[in-house]
């Protein structure tokens, strides 16, 4: 399946597709509000603020796959804005693993990380950087959003 055909629903309930992001640098991250890695929201927002003017998109996919996300979309949205000043787009809550895995994640988990491993999302804040040519780079949860491997790829592809 082409990524551009995949439907997304914003945290506010608006339907869209990944088509609008085709040919752009896009960082996709499964996020959660009650995780030890939740402070990565701050670095994600800083990355977004730094590069959005040059064309970087970041999309947060709230997920309760690891039982660490708030219940309602409105709670998630408020939490992110009030605690971390998040302005990058969030989607409705999705599954990133298992039989109800979101279609986007069905495609993303085929991507191998630096160790050559593909497969299920390991934890919250796993990152997938989609480059303008369609290539996908995968970074595991403990890789910080401002890691030079991520920022370097963003800079050379904007």
N, C-alpha and C. Protein backbone atom coordinates (compact mmCIF):
# COMPACT_ATOMS: atom_id res chain seq x y z
N UNK A 1 0.84 -1.18 0.00
CA UNK A 1 0.00 0.00 0.00
C UNK A 1 0.88 1.25 0.00
N UNK A 2 0.49 2.21 -0.79
CA UNK A 2 1.19 3.48 -0.81
C UNK A 2 0.85 4.27 0.45
N UNK A 3 1.87 4.87 1.06
CA UNK A 3 1.62 5.67 2.25
C UNK A 3 0.64 6.79 1.98
N UNK A 4 0.71 7.38 0.78
CA UNK A 4 -0.15 8.53 0.46
C UNK A 4 -1.63 8.17 0.47
N UNK A 5 -1.97 6.90 0.36
CA UNK A 5 -3.37 6.47 0.35
C UNK A 5 -3.94 6.24 1.75
N UNK A 6 -3.09 6.26 2.75
CA UNK A 6 -3.52 5.91 4.10
C UNK A 6 -4.29 7.05 4.74
N UNK A 7 -5.46 6.71 5.27
CA UNK A 7 -6.31 7.70 5.93
C UNK A 7 -5.81 7.97 7.34
N UNK A 8 -5.87 9.24 7.71
CA UNK A 8 -5.54 9.67 9.06
C UNK A 8 -6.73 10.45 9.60
N UNK A 9 -6.93 10.38 10.91
CA UNK A 9 -7.96 11.17 11.55
C UNK A 9 -7.26 12.00 12.63
N UNK A 10 -7.40 13.31 12.53
CA UNK A 10 -6.74 14.19 13.50
C UNK A 10 -7.36 14.01 14.88
N UNK A 11 -6.66 14.50 15.87
CA UNK A 11 -7.16 14.39 17.24
C UNK A 11 -8.49 15.14 17.40
N UNK A 12 -8.74 16.08 16.51
CA UNK A 12 -10.01 16.81 16.51
C UNK A 12 -11.10 16.14 15.69
N UNK A 13 -10.79 14.99 15.08
CA UNK A 13 -11.79 14.24 14.34
C UNK A 13 -11.86 14.50 12.85
N UNK A 14 -10.96 15.32 12.31
CA UNK A 14 -10.97 15.62 10.87
C UNK A 14 -10.26 14.51 10.10
N UNK A 15 -10.92 14.01 9.03
CA UNK A 15 -10.32 12.97 8.20
C UNK A 15 -9.42 13.60 7.14
N UNK A 16 -8.28 12.97 6.92
CA UNK A 16 -7.34 13.42 5.91
C UNK A 16 -6.58 12.18 5.43
N UNK A 17 -5.60 12.36 4.58
CA UNK A 17 -4.75 11.25 4.16
C UNK A 17 -3.29 11.67 4.28
N UNK A 18 -2.43 10.70 4.13
CA UNK A 18 -1.00 10.97 4.18
C UNK A 18 -0.53 11.64 2.88
N UNK A 19 -1.41 11.76 1.90
CA UNK A 19 -1.07 12.32 0.59
C UNK A 19 -0.47 13.72 0.68
N UNK A 20 -1.00 14.53 1.61
CA UNK A 20 -0.52 15.90 1.75
C UNK A 20 0.95 15.96 2.17
N UNK A 21 1.48 14.85 2.69
CA UNK A 21 2.85 14.82 3.16
C UNK A 21 3.82 14.19 2.16
N UNK A 22 3.30 13.69 1.06
CA UNK A 22 4.14 13.06 0.04
C UNK A 22 5.20 14.05 -0.44
N UNK A 23 6.42 13.60 -0.53
CA UNK A 23 7.51 14.43 -1.01
C UNK A 23 8.08 15.37 0.04
N UNK A 24 7.65 15.22 1.28
CA UNK A 24 8.14 16.07 2.37
C UNK A 24 8.90 15.22 3.39
N UNK A 25 9.61 15.88 4.27
CA UNK A 25 10.27 15.20 5.37
C UNK A 25 9.25 15.15 6.51
N UNK A 26 8.92 13.94 6.94
CA UNK A 26 7.90 13.75 7.97
C UNK A 26 8.39 12.80 9.04
N UNK A 27 8.28 13.23 10.29
CA UNK A 27 8.64 12.39 11.42
C UNK A 27 7.35 11.91 12.07
N UNK A 28 7.18 10.59 12.10
CA UNK A 28 6.02 9.95 12.69
C UNK A 28 6.45 9.33 14.02
N UNK A 29 5.72 9.64 15.09
CA UNK A 29 6.08 9.17 16.42
C UNK A 29 4.84 8.68 17.15
N UNK A 30 4.88 7.46 17.69
CA UNK A 30 3.79 7.02 18.57
C UNK A 30 4.07 7.58 19.95
N UNK A 31 3.10 8.29 20.50
CA UNK A 31 3.30 9.04 21.74
C UNK A 31 2.35 8.54 22.83
N UNK A 32 2.70 8.87 24.08
CA UNK A 32 1.87 8.52 25.22
C UNK A 32 2.10 9.54 26.33
N UNK A 33 1.07 9.82 27.09
CA UNK A 33 1.10 10.88 28.10
C UNK A 33 1.63 10.45 29.45
N UNK A 34 1.66 9.15 29.72
CA UNK A 34 2.05 8.68 31.06
C UNK A 34 3.22 7.70 30.97
N UNK A 35 4.22 8.05 30.21
CA UNK A 35 5.37 7.19 29.95
C UNK A 35 6.64 7.89 30.45
N UNK A 36 7.63 7.11 30.81
CA UNK A 36 8.90 7.69 31.22
C UNK A 36 9.56 8.50 30.11
N UNK A 37 9.17 8.24 28.86
CA UNK A 37 9.73 8.97 27.72
C UNK A 37 8.87 10.17 27.31
N UNK A 38 7.77 10.40 27.99
CA UNK A 38 6.88 11.52 27.66
C UNK A 38 7.60 12.86 27.56
N UNK A 39 8.64 13.12 28.37
CA UNK A 39 9.35 14.39 28.22
C UNK A 39 9.96 14.61 26.82
N UNK A 40 10.00 13.56 25.98
CA UNK A 40 10.48 13.75 24.60
C UNK A 40 9.56 14.70 23.83
N UNK A 41 8.35 14.92 24.31
CA UNK A 41 7.47 15.90 23.67
C UNK A 41 8.18 17.25 23.54
N UNK A 42 8.92 17.61 24.56
CA UNK A 42 9.62 18.90 24.56
C UNK A 42 10.61 18.99 23.40
N UNK A 43 11.40 17.93 23.21
CA UNK A 43 12.37 17.91 22.12
C UNK A 43 11.68 17.81 20.76
N UNK A 44 10.57 17.09 20.69
CA UNK A 44 9.82 17.02 19.44
C UNK A 44 9.29 18.39 19.04
N UNK A 45 8.75 19.11 20.02
CA UNK A 45 8.23 20.44 19.74
C UNK A 45 9.36 21.39 19.32
N UNK A 46 10.51 21.30 19.98
CA UNK A 46 11.66 22.14 19.62
C UNK A 46 12.13 21.83 18.20
N UNK A 47 12.15 20.56 17.84
CA UNK A 47 12.53 20.14 16.49
C UNK A 47 11.54 20.70 15.47
N UNK A 48 10.27 20.60 15.80
CA UNK A 48 9.23 21.12 14.92
C UNK A 48 9.37 22.63 14.73
N UNK A 49 9.55 23.35 15.82
CA UNK A 49 9.70 24.80 15.74
C UNK A 49 10.93 25.19 14.92
N UNK A 50 11.99 24.42 15.07
CA UNK A 50 13.25 24.73 14.38
C UNK A 50 13.14 24.53 12.86
N UNK A 51 12.42 23.48 12.42
CA UNK A 51 12.45 23.11 11.00
C UNK A 51 11.12 23.23 10.26
N UNK A 52 10.03 23.54 10.95
CA UNK A 52 8.74 23.56 10.24
C UNK A 52 8.71 24.60 9.12
N UNK A 53 9.40 25.71 9.30
CA UNK A 53 9.45 26.74 8.27
C UNK A 53 10.16 26.28 7.00
N UNK A 54 10.99 25.25 7.14
CA UNK A 54 11.70 24.69 5.99
C UNK A 54 10.97 23.49 5.39
N UNK A 55 9.86 23.08 6.05
CA UNK A 55 9.05 22.01 5.48
C UNK A 55 8.95 20.73 6.29
N UNK A 56 9.53 20.67 7.47
CA UNK A 56 9.41 19.46 8.29
C UNK A 56 8.00 19.32 8.84
N UNK A 57 7.47 18.11 8.75
CA UNK A 57 6.21 17.78 9.40
C UNK A 57 6.50 16.76 10.50
N UNK A 58 5.85 16.91 11.61
CA UNK A 58 5.88 15.91 12.68
C UNK A 58 4.44 15.56 12.98
N UNK A 59 4.17 14.28 13.10
CA UNK A 59 2.84 13.83 13.46
C UNK A 59 2.96 12.88 14.64
N UNK A 60 2.27 13.22 15.72
CA UNK A 60 2.22 12.36 16.89
C UNK A 60 0.99 11.47 16.82
N UNK A 61 1.21 10.18 17.04
CA UNK A 61 0.13 9.20 17.04
C UNK A 61 -0.07 8.69 18.46
N UNK A 62 -0.97 9.31 19.24
CA UNK A 62 -1.22 8.80 20.58
C UNK A 62 -1.64 7.34 20.52
N UNK A 63 -1.09 6.55 21.43
CA UNK A 63 -1.39 5.12 21.43
C UNK A 63 -1.42 4.60 22.86
N UNK A 64 -2.39 3.75 23.12
CA UNK A 64 -2.47 3.09 24.42
C UNK A 64 -1.98 1.65 24.32
N UNK A 65 -1.24 1.35 23.27
CA UNK A 65 -0.72 0.00 23.07
C UNK A 65 0.04 -0.48 24.29
N UNK A 66 0.75 0.42 24.94
CA UNK A 66 1.56 0.04 26.11
C UNK A 66 0.91 0.51 27.42
N UNK A 67 -0.40 0.81 27.34
CA UNK A 67 -1.22 1.15 28.51
C UNK A 67 -0.71 2.38 29.26
N UNK A 68 -0.29 3.40 28.49
CA UNK A 68 0.25 4.61 29.10
C UNK A 68 -0.33 5.89 28.49
N UNK A 69 -1.49 5.79 27.87
CA UNK A 69 -2.10 6.97 27.27
C UNK A 69 -3.42 7.30 27.97
N UNK A 70 -3.75 8.57 27.98
CA UNK A 70 -4.99 9.03 28.56
C UNK A 70 -6.18 8.51 27.74
N UNK A 71 -7.39 8.63 28.28
CA UNK A 71 -8.56 8.04 27.64
C UNK A 71 -9.11 8.77 26.45
N UNK A 72 -9.47 10.04 26.61
CA UNK A 72 -10.16 10.77 25.56
C UNK A 72 -9.21 11.65 24.76
N UNK A 73 -9.55 11.86 23.49
CA UNK A 73 -8.75 12.73 22.63
C UNK A 73 -8.60 14.12 23.23
N UNK A 74 -9.66 14.64 23.79
CA UNK A 74 -9.61 15.99 24.37
C UNK A 74 -8.63 16.04 25.54
N UNK A 75 -8.55 14.97 26.33
CA UNK A 75 -7.60 14.92 27.45
C UNK A 75 -6.17 14.87 26.94
N UNK A 76 -5.94 14.08 25.91
CA UNK A 76 -4.60 13.96 25.32
C UNK A 76 -4.16 15.29 24.75
N UNK A 77 -5.04 15.91 23.97
CA UNK A 77 -4.74 17.20 23.34
C UNK A 77 -4.41 18.25 24.39
N UNK A 78 -5.24 18.35 25.42
CA UNK A 78 -5.00 19.32 26.49
C UNK A 78 -3.70 19.05 27.22
N UNK A 79 -3.44 17.79 27.54
CA UNK A 79 -2.21 17.41 28.23
C UNK A 79 -0.98 17.86 27.43
N UNK A 80 -0.98 17.57 26.15
CA UNK A 80 0.17 17.90 25.30
C UNK A 80 0.38 19.41 25.18
N UNK A 81 -0.70 20.15 25.02
CA UNK A 81 -0.59 21.60 24.88
C UNK A 81 -0.19 22.27 26.19
N UNK A 82 -0.84 21.87 27.28
CA UNK A 82 -0.59 22.51 28.57
C UNK A 82 0.77 22.17 29.16
N UNK A 83 1.21 20.93 29.02
CA UNK A 83 2.45 20.49 29.65
C UNK A 83 3.69 20.65 28.78
N UNK A 84 3.51 20.58 27.46
CA UNK A 84 4.68 20.62 26.57
C UNK A 84 4.56 21.62 25.43
N UNK A 85 3.47 22.37 25.38
CA UNK A 85 3.31 23.38 24.35
C UNK A 85 3.26 22.82 22.94
N UNK A 86 2.77 21.61 22.79
CA UNK A 86 2.77 20.93 21.50
C UNK A 86 1.89 21.67 20.48
N UNK A 87 2.49 21.98 19.34
CA UNK A 87 1.76 22.60 18.24
C UNK A 87 1.76 21.72 16.99
N UNK A 88 2.60 20.68 16.97
CA UNK A 88 2.59 19.79 15.80
C UNK A 88 1.32 18.93 15.86
N UNK A 89 0.86 18.44 14.72
CA UNK A 89 -0.39 17.70 14.67
C UNK A 89 -0.34 16.36 15.42
N UNK A 90 -1.47 16.04 16.03
CA UNK A 90 -1.68 14.74 16.66
C UNK A 90 -2.87 14.08 15.97
N UNK A 91 -2.86 12.76 15.95
CA UNK A 91 -4.01 12.03 15.40
C UNK A 91 -4.87 11.53 16.55
N UNK A 92 -5.99 10.92 16.17
CA UNK A 92 -6.77 10.22 17.17
C UNK A 92 -5.92 9.07 17.72
N UNK A 93 -6.33 8.49 18.81
CA UNK A 93 -5.58 7.39 19.42
C UNK A 93 -5.63 6.17 18.49
N UNK A 94 -4.47 5.52 18.31
CA UNK A 94 -4.36 4.38 17.40
C UNK A 94 -3.65 3.21 18.09
N UNK A 95 -3.77 2.05 17.47
CA UNK A 95 -3.00 0.88 17.86
C UNK A 95 -1.77 0.82 16.96
N UNK A 96 -0.59 0.60 17.53
CA UNK A 96 0.62 0.52 16.72
C UNK A 96 1.12 -0.93 16.59
N UNK A 97 0.54 -1.84 17.32
CA UNK A 97 0.87 -3.26 17.25
C UNK A 97 -0.43 -4.06 17.31
N UNK A 98 -0.33 -5.34 17.04
CA UNK A 98 -1.47 -6.24 17.20
C UNK A 98 -2.42 -6.23 16.01
N UNK A 99 -3.51 -6.98 16.14
CA UNK A 99 -4.44 -7.16 15.02
C UNK A 99 -5.19 -5.89 14.61
N UNK A 100 -5.26 -4.89 15.49
CA UNK A 100 -5.95 -3.63 15.17
C UNK A 100 -4.96 -2.52 14.83
N UNK A 101 -3.73 -2.90 14.50
CA UNK A 101 -2.68 -1.93 14.14
C UNK A 101 -3.15 -1.01 13.02
N UNK A 102 -2.90 0.28 13.19
CA UNK A 102 -3.24 1.28 12.18
C UNK A 102 -2.54 0.94 10.86
N UNK A 103 -3.20 1.23 9.74
CA UNK A 103 -2.64 0.91 8.42
C UNK A 103 -1.26 1.52 8.21
N UNK A 104 -1.05 2.73 8.70
CA UNK A 104 0.27 3.35 8.54
C UNK A 104 1.33 2.53 9.25
N UNK A 105 1.03 2.10 10.45
CA UNK A 105 2.01 1.32 11.21
C UNK A 105 2.21 -0.08 10.62
N UNK A 106 1.22 -0.61 9.91
CA UNK A 106 1.41 -1.89 9.22
C UNK A 106 2.54 -1.76 8.21
N UNK A 107 2.64 -0.58 7.61
CA UNK A 107 3.71 -0.34 6.63
C UNK A 107 5.02 0.04 7.32
N UNK A 108 4.94 0.91 8.31
CA UNK A 108 6.16 1.40 8.96
C UNK A 108 6.96 0.30 9.65
N UNK A 109 6.29 -0.66 10.27
CA UNK A 109 7.02 -1.69 11.03
C UNK A 109 7.81 -2.65 10.13
N UNK A 110 7.63 -2.53 8.83
CA UNK A 110 8.45 -3.33 7.89
C UNK A 110 9.86 -2.76 7.79
N UNK A 111 10.04 -1.52 8.24
CA UNK A 111 11.31 -0.83 8.16
C UNK A 111 12.27 -1.35 9.22
N UNK A 112 13.51 -1.58 8.81
CA UNK A 112 14.54 -2.04 9.73
C UNK A 112 15.22 -0.85 10.40
N UNK A 113 15.64 -1.05 11.65
CA UNK A 113 16.39 -0.02 12.37
C UNK A 113 17.88 -0.16 12.03
N UNK A 114 18.72 0.60 12.72
CA UNK A 114 20.17 0.56 12.47
C UNK A 114 20.79 -0.82 12.71
N UNK A 115 20.15 -1.61 13.56
CA UNK A 115 20.65 -2.96 13.86
C UNK A 115 20.11 -3.99 12.87
N UNK A 116 19.32 -3.55 11.90
CA UNK A 116 18.77 -4.45 10.90
C UNK A 116 17.50 -5.17 11.35
N UNK A 117 16.86 -4.66 12.41
CA UNK A 117 15.66 -5.30 12.94
C UNK A 117 14.40 -4.55 12.55
N UNK A 118 13.44 -5.27 11.99
CA UNK A 118 12.12 -4.73 11.70
C UNK A 118 11.17 -5.31 12.74
N UNK A 119 9.89 -5.20 12.51
CA UNK A 119 8.92 -5.82 13.41
C UNK A 119 8.19 -4.82 14.28
N UNK A 120 7.50 -5.34 15.30
CA UNK A 120 6.61 -4.50 16.11
C UNK A 120 7.31 -3.29 16.72
N UNK A 121 6.51 -2.28 16.99
CA UNK A 121 6.98 -1.11 17.72
C UNK A 121 7.37 -1.59 19.11
N UNK A 122 8.54 -1.17 19.58
CA UNK A 122 9.06 -1.67 20.84
C UNK A 122 8.47 -0.95 22.06
N UNK A 123 8.15 0.33 21.92
CA UNK A 123 7.67 1.11 23.05
C UNK A 123 7.17 2.45 22.53
N UNK A 124 6.66 3.27 23.42
CA UNK A 124 6.24 4.62 23.06
C UNK A 124 7.45 5.43 22.57
N UNK A 125 7.18 6.37 21.71
CA UNK A 125 8.16 7.31 21.16
C UNK A 125 9.16 6.65 20.20
N UNK A 126 8.72 5.59 19.53
CA UNK A 126 9.51 5.06 18.41
C UNK A 126 9.30 6.02 17.25
N UNK A 127 10.37 6.28 16.51
CA UNK A 127 10.33 7.31 15.48
C UNK A 127 10.59 6.72 14.10
N UNK A 128 9.80 7.21 13.13
CA UNK A 128 9.97 6.84 11.73
C UNK A 128 10.10 8.13 10.94
N UNK A 129 11.25 8.32 10.32
CA UNK A 129 11.49 9.52 9.52
C UNK A 129 11.28 9.16 8.06
N UNK A 130 10.27 9.77 7.46
CA UNK A 130 9.94 9.51 6.06
C UNK A 130 10.54 10.63 5.23
N UNK A 131 11.42 10.23 4.32
CA UNK A 131 12.15 11.20 3.50
C UNK A 131 11.37 11.51 2.21
N UNK A 132 11.69 12.60 1.54
CA UNK A 132 10.94 13.00 0.34
C UNK A 132 10.90 11.93 -0.76
N UNK A 133 11.93 11.09 -0.84
CA UNK A 133 11.95 10.04 -1.86
C UNK A 133 11.18 8.79 -1.43
N UNK A 134 10.55 8.84 -0.25
CA UNK A 134 9.77 7.70 0.23
C UNK A 134 10.54 6.76 1.14
N UNK A 135 11.85 6.95 1.22
CA UNK A 135 12.66 6.10 2.10
C UNK A 135 12.28 6.37 3.55
N UNK A 136 12.29 5.31 4.36
CA UNK A 136 11.92 5.43 5.76
C UNK A 136 13.10 5.01 6.63
N UNK A 137 13.40 5.83 7.62
CA UNK A 137 14.45 5.53 8.61
C UNK A 137 13.78 5.32 9.95
N UNK A 138 14.19 4.30 10.67
CA UNK A 138 13.56 3.93 11.94
C UNK A 138 14.51 4.16 13.10
N UNK A 139 13.98 4.79 14.15
CA UNK A 139 14.76 5.07 15.35
C UNK A 139 13.97 4.59 16.56
N UNK A 140 14.62 3.81 17.38
CA UNK A 140 13.96 3.21 18.54
C UNK A 140 13.63 4.27 19.59
N UNK A 141 12.77 3.93 20.55
CA UNK A 141 12.23 4.92 21.49
C UNK A 141 13.24 5.75 22.27
N UNK A 142 14.34 5.17 22.67
CA UNK A 142 15.29 5.94 23.48
C UNK A 142 16.15 6.90 22.66
N UNK A 143 16.05 6.82 21.34
CA UNK A 143 16.74 7.79 20.50
C UNK A 143 15.99 9.10 20.60
N UNK A 144 16.67 10.12 21.07
CA UNK A 144 16.02 11.41 21.29
C UNK A 144 15.74 12.10 19.96
N UNK A 145 14.67 12.88 19.89
CA UNK A 145 14.31 13.56 18.65
C UNK A 145 15.40 14.46 18.09
N UNK A 146 16.25 15.00 18.96
CA UNK A 146 17.32 15.89 18.49
C UNK A 146 18.65 15.16 18.30
N UNK A 147 18.60 13.83 18.25
CA UNK A 147 19.80 13.04 17.97
C UNK A 147 20.38 13.48 16.62
N UNK A 148 21.70 13.63 16.53
CA UNK A 148 22.32 14.08 15.26
C UNK A 148 21.99 13.19 14.06
N UNK A 149 21.71 11.91 14.29
CA UNK A 149 21.33 11.04 13.15
C UNK A 149 19.99 11.49 12.57
N UNK A 150 19.09 11.94 13.43
CA UNK A 150 17.78 12.42 12.96
C UNK A 150 17.90 13.82 12.37
N UNK A 151 18.51 14.73 13.12
CA UNK A 151 18.61 16.11 12.62
C UNK A 151 19.45 16.19 11.35
N UNK A 152 20.47 15.35 11.26
CA UNK A 152 21.29 15.33 10.04
C UNK A 152 20.49 14.93 8.83
N UNK A 153 19.67 13.88 8.97
CA UNK A 153 18.82 13.44 7.86
C UNK A 153 17.78 14.50 7.52
N UNK A 154 17.24 15.15 8.53
CA UNK A 154 16.26 16.21 8.27
C UNK A 154 16.92 17.33 7.47
N UNK A 155 18.09 17.77 7.91
CA UNK A 155 18.75 18.90 7.25
C UNK A 155 19.13 18.62 5.81
N UNK A 156 19.63 17.42 5.51
CA UNK A 156 20.03 17.15 4.13
C UNK A 156 18.84 16.87 3.22
N UNK A 157 17.66 16.64 3.79
CA UNK A 157 16.49 16.32 2.97
C UNK A 157 15.46 17.44 2.88
N UNK A 158 15.67 18.53 3.60
CA UNK A 158 14.73 19.66 3.49
C UNK A 158 15.03 20.49 2.26
